[in-house]
Amino acid sequence: MIGTMETMTIPVSEDILSAANMSKDEMAAAMSRDYAVKMFAEGRLTMTQSANLCGMNIFDFLDALAGAGIPAADSEAEDLEKELAYFK
């Protein structure tokens, strides 16, 4: 279940957006996705929590993990139980 959502602000200059050839929305989505992948890889969030963090469904997040070379099934039994409990 998703609780109350908070909004965070990260300042990014127009120069950075221009150099990256990204819009503000594209940069925000990439930063959100990359951080969610990092949090999952470090074991700080479950896969479901990480997908929710970046606003993806679980299947798109699995694709993001694959793109980053992060194994999705390298979880402890307890983590898998948390994931299964989410779908009950």
N, C-alpha and C. Protein backbone atom coordinates (compact mmCIF):
# COMPACT_ATOMS: atom_id res chain seq x y z
N MET A 1 0.83 -1.18 0.00
CA MET A 1 0.00 0.00 0.00
C MET A 1 0.88 1.24 0.00
N ILE A 2 0.49 2.22 -0.78
CA ILE A 2 1.25 3.46 -0.88
C ILE A 2 0.67 4.46 0.12
N GLY A 3 1.54 5.04 0.94
CA GLY A 3 1.12 6.04 1.92
C GLY A 3 1.08 7.42 1.30
N THR A 4 1.11 8.42 2.15
CA THR A 4 1.11 9.80 1.70
C THR A 4 2.36 10.07 0.87
N MET A 5 2.18 10.73 -0.25
CA MET A 5 3.30 11.03 -1.13
C MET A 5 3.87 12.41 -0.80
N GLU A 6 5.16 12.51 -0.79
CA GLU A 6 5.87 13.77 -0.58
C GLU A 6 6.54 14.17 -1.89
N THR A 7 6.70 15.45 -2.11
CA THR A 7 7.39 15.94 -3.29
C THR A 7 8.71 16.53 -2.84
N MET A 8 9.77 16.20 -3.58
CA MET A 8 11.09 16.72 -3.29
C MET A 8 11.54 17.56 -4.48
N THR A 9 12.32 18.58 -4.20
CA THR A 9 12.81 19.46 -5.25
C THR A 9 14.33 19.31 -5.34
N ILE A 10 14.80 19.11 -6.57
CA ILE A 10 16.23 19.03 -6.82
C ILE A 10 16.57 20.09 -7.87
N PRO A 11 17.36 21.08 -7.49
CA PRO A 11 17.69 22.13 -8.46
C PRO A 11 18.60 21.61 -9.58
N VAL A 12 18.22 21.90 -10.81
CA VAL A 12 19.01 21.54 -11.99
C VAL A 12 19.01 22.75 -12.91
N SER A 13 20.19 23.21 -13.27
CA SER A 13 20.27 24.40 -14.11
C SER A 13 19.88 24.09 -15.56
N GLU A 14 19.48 25.12 -16.27
CA GLU A 14 19.15 24.98 -17.69
C GLU A 14 20.37 24.49 -18.47
N ASP A 15 21.58 24.90 -18.04
CA ASP A 15 22.80 24.44 -18.71
C ASP A 15 22.93 22.92 -18.64
N ILE A 16 22.61 22.35 -17.49
CA ILE A 16 22.70 20.90 -17.32
C ILE A 16 21.66 20.20 -18.19
N LEU A 17 20.43 20.71 -18.17
CA LEU A 17 19.37 20.13 -19.01
C LEU A 17 19.76 20.19 -20.48
N SER A 18 20.32 21.31 -20.89
CA SER A 18 20.74 21.49 -22.28
C SER A 18 21.88 20.53 -22.63
N ALA A 19 22.86 20.43 -21.75
CA ALA A 19 24.00 19.54 -22.00
C ALA A 19 23.56 18.09 -22.09
N ALA A 20 22.57 17.71 -21.28
CA ALA A 20 22.07 16.34 -21.28
C ALA A 20 21.04 16.13 -22.39
N ASN A 21 20.64 17.23 -23.05
CA ASN A 21 19.64 17.17 -24.10
C ASN A 21 18.35 16.52 -23.60
N MET A 22 17.92 16.99 -22.40
CA MET A 22 16.73 16.43 -21.77
C MET A 22 15.82 17.57 -21.31
N SER A 23 14.54 17.28 -21.30
CA SER A 23 13.59 18.22 -20.70
C SER A 23 13.63 18.03 -19.19
N LYS A 24 13.00 18.94 -18.49
CA LYS A 24 12.92 18.83 -17.03
C LYS A 24 12.22 17.54 -16.63
N ASP A 25 11.14 17.19 -17.31
CA ASP A 25 10.41 15.96 -17.00
C ASP A 25 11.24 14.71 -17.29
N GLU A 26 11.97 14.72 -18.40
CA GLU A 26 12.82 13.58 -18.74
C GLU A 26 13.92 13.40 -17.70
N MET A 27 14.53 14.50 -17.27
CA MET A 27 15.58 14.44 -16.25
C MET A 27 15.01 13.93 -14.94
N ALA A 28 13.85 14.42 -14.54
CA ALA A 28 13.24 13.98 -13.29
C ALA A 28 12.92 12.49 -13.33
N ALA A 29 12.39 12.01 -14.45
CA ALA A 29 12.06 10.59 -14.58
C ALA A 29 13.32 9.73 -14.53
N ALA A 30 14.38 10.17 -15.21
CA ALA A 30 15.64 9.42 -15.22
C ALA A 30 16.27 9.38 -13.82
N MET A 31 16.25 10.51 -13.13
CA MET A 31 16.82 10.55 -11.78
C MET A 31 16.03 9.67 -10.83
N SER A 32 14.72 9.72 -10.94
CA SER A 32 13.85 8.92 -10.08
C SER A 32 14.07 7.43 -10.34
N ARG A 33 14.11 7.04 -11.60
CA ARG A 33 14.34 5.64 -11.98
C ARG A 33 15.70 5.16 -11.49
N ASP A 34 16.72 5.93 -11.76
CA ASP A 34 18.08 5.53 -11.40
C ASP A 34 18.24 5.39 -9.88
N TYR A 35 17.61 6.28 -9.13
CA TYR A 35 17.71 6.20 -7.68
C TYR A 35 16.93 5.01 -7.14
N ALA A 36 15.77 4.73 -7.74
CA ALA A 36 14.98 3.57 -7.32
C ALA A 36 15.76 2.28 -7.59
N VAL A 37 16.43 2.21 -8.73
CA VAL A 37 17.26 1.03 -9.04
C VAL A 37 18.38 0.90 -8.01
N LYS A 38 19.01 2.01 -7.67
CA LYS A 38 20.09 1.99 -6.68
C LYS A 38 19.59 1.52 -5.31
N MET A 39 18.44 2.04 -4.89
CA MET A 39 17.88 1.65 -3.60
C MET A 39 17.55 0.15 -3.56
N PHE A 40 17.04 -0.37 -4.68
CA PHE A 40 16.76 -1.80 -4.76
C PHE A 40 18.06 -2.60 -4.73
N ALA A 41 19.04 -2.17 -5.51
CA ALA A 41 20.33 -2.89 -5.59
C ALA A 41 21.02 -2.94 -4.23
N GLU A 42 20.87 -1.89 -3.44
CA GLU A 42 21.48 -1.84 -2.11
C GLU A 42 20.65 -2.59 -1.07
N GLY A 43 19.47 -3.07 -1.45
CA GLY A 43 18.62 -3.79 -0.52
C GLY A 43 17.88 -2.89 0.45
N ARG A 44 17.83 -1.62 0.14
CA ARG A 44 17.16 -0.67 1.04
C ARG A 44 15.66 -0.64 0.83
N LEU A 45 15.22 -0.98 -0.40
CA LEU A 45 13.80 -1.06 -0.71
C LEU A 45 13.52 -2.36 -1.44
N THR A 46 12.31 -2.86 -1.30
CA THR A 46 11.91 -4.04 -2.06
C THR A 46 11.69 -3.63 -3.52
N MET A 47 11.49 -4.61 -4.37
CA MET A 47 11.23 -4.31 -5.77
C MET A 47 9.95 -3.50 -5.92
N THR A 48 8.91 -3.88 -5.21
CA THR A 48 7.64 -3.16 -5.29
C THR A 48 7.79 -1.72 -4.80
N GLN A 49 8.48 -1.54 -3.68
CA GLN A 49 8.71 -0.19 -3.16
C GLN A 49 9.51 0.65 -4.15
N SER A 50 10.52 0.04 -4.74
CA SER A 50 11.36 0.75 -5.71
C SER A 50 10.57 1.15 -6.94
N ALA A 51 9.73 0.24 -7.43
CA ALA A 51 8.89 0.55 -8.59
C ALA A 51 7.95 1.70 -8.26
N ASN A 52 7.37 1.66 -7.07
CA ASN A 52 6.48 2.74 -6.64
C ASN A 52 7.23 4.07 -6.53
N LEU A 53 8.46 4.02 -6.05
CA LEU A 53 9.26 5.23 -5.89
C LEU A 53 9.41 5.98 -7.20
N CYS A 54 9.60 5.25 -8.28
CA CYS A 54 9.81 5.92 -9.56
C CYS A 54 8.57 5.91 -10.45
N GLY A 55 7.43 5.50 -9.89
CA GLY A 55 6.18 5.58 -10.63
C GLY A 55 6.04 4.58 -11.75
N MET A 56 6.73 3.45 -11.63
CA MET A 56 6.66 2.42 -12.67
C MET A 56 5.83 1.24 -12.18
N ASN A 57 5.28 0.50 -13.13
CA ASN A 57 4.69 -0.78 -12.74
C ASN A 57 5.84 -1.78 -12.60
N ILE A 58 5.56 -2.90 -12.00
CA ILE A 58 6.62 -3.86 -11.67
C ILE A 58 7.34 -4.37 -12.92
N PHE A 59 6.61 -4.52 -14.03
CA PHE A 59 7.22 -5.05 -15.25
C PHE A 59 8.18 -4.05 -15.88
N ASP A 60 7.80 -2.78 -15.88
CA ASP A 60 8.72 -1.75 -16.39
C ASP A 60 9.94 -1.62 -15.49
N PHE A 61 9.72 -1.79 -14.18
CA PHE A 61 10.86 -1.71 -13.27
C PHE A 61 11.81 -2.89 -13.48
N LEU A 62 11.26 -4.06 -13.77
CA LEU A 62 12.10 -5.22 -14.10
C LEU A 62 12.96 -4.90 -15.32
N ASP A 63 12.39 -4.23 -16.31
CA ASP A 63 13.16 -3.82 -17.49
C ASP A 63 14.26 -2.84 -17.11
N ALA A 64 13.95 -1.91 -16.19
CA ALA A 64 14.96 -0.94 -15.74
C ALA A 64 16.10 -1.66 -15.03
N LEU A 65 15.76 -2.65 -14.21
CA LEU A 65 16.80 -3.43 -13.53
C LEU A 65 17.67 -4.16 -14.55
N ALA A 66 17.03 -4.78 -15.52
CA ALA A 66 17.79 -5.51 -16.55
C ALA A 66 18.71 -4.55 -17.31
N GLY A 67 18.21 -3.36 -17.63
CA GLY A 67 19.02 -2.37 -18.34
C GLY A 67 20.22 -1.91 -17.53
N ALA A 68 20.08 -1.95 -16.21
CA ALA A 68 21.18 -1.54 -15.33
C ALA A 68 22.06 -2.73 -14.93
N GLY A 69 21.71 -3.92 -15.40
CA GLY A 69 22.50 -5.10 -15.06
C GLY A 69 22.32 -5.55 -13.62
N ILE A 70 21.17 -5.23 -13.03
CA ILE A 70 20.89 -5.60 -11.63
C ILE A 70 19.98 -6.82 -11.63
N PRO A 71 20.40 -7.92 -10.99
CA PRO A 71 19.52 -9.09 -10.94
C PRO A 71 18.29 -8.83 -10.09
N ALA A 72 17.14 -9.24 -10.59
CA ALA A 72 15.88 -9.01 -9.87
C ALA A 72 15.60 -10.11 -8.86
N ALA A 73 16.14 -11.28 -9.06
CA ALA A 73 15.79 -12.42 -8.21
C ALA A 73 16.84 -12.72 -7.15
N ASP A 74 17.78 -11.84 -6.96
CA ASP A 74 18.83 -12.06 -5.96
C ASP A 74 18.37 -11.52 -4.62
N SER A 75 17.25 -12.04 -4.15
CA SER A 75 16.66 -11.54 -2.91
C SER A 75 16.72 -12.60 -1.82
N GLU A 76 16.71 -12.14 -0.62
CA GLU A 76 16.62 -13.03 0.53
C GLU A 76 15.18 -13.54 0.62
N ALA A 77 14.99 -14.66 1.30
CA ALA A 77 13.66 -15.24 1.46
C ALA A 77 12.70 -14.24 2.10
N GLU A 78 13.17 -13.49 3.06
CA GLU A 78 12.33 -12.50 3.73
C GLU A 78 11.85 -11.43 2.75
N ASP A 79 12.74 -10.99 1.85
CA ASP A 79 12.36 -9.99 0.86
C ASP A 79 11.29 -10.54 -0.07
N LEU A 80 11.44 -11.80 -0.48
CA LEU A 80 10.46 -12.41 -1.35
C LEU A 80 9.11 -12.53 -0.67
N GLU A 81 9.13 -12.83 0.62
CA GLU A 81 7.89 -12.91 1.38
C GLU A 81 7.19 -11.55 1.42
N LYS A 82 7.97 -10.47 1.55
CA LYS A 82 7.40 -9.11 1.55
C LYS A 82 6.75 -8.82 0.19
N GLU A 83 7.43 -9.22 -0.88
CA GLU A 83 6.90 -8.99 -2.23
C GLU A 83 5.58 -9.74 -2.42
N LEU A 84 5.56 -11.00 -1.99
CA LEU A 84 4.34 -11.80 -2.13
C LEU A 84 3.21 -11.25 -1.29
N ALA A 85 3.53 -10.77 -0.09
CA ALA A 85 2.52 -10.20 0.80
C ALA A 85 1.86 -8.99 0.17
N TYR A 86 2.59 -8.24 -0.64
CA TYR A 86 2.05 -7.06 -1.29
C TYR A 86 0.89 -7.43 -2.21
N PHE A 87 0.98 -8.61 -2.85
CA PHE A 87 -0.03 -9.01 -3.82
C PHE A 87 -1.20 -9.76 -3.20
N LYS A 88 -1.16 -10.03 -1.90
CA LYS A 88 -2.26 -10.73 -1.21
C LYS A 88 -3.36 -9.79 -0.83
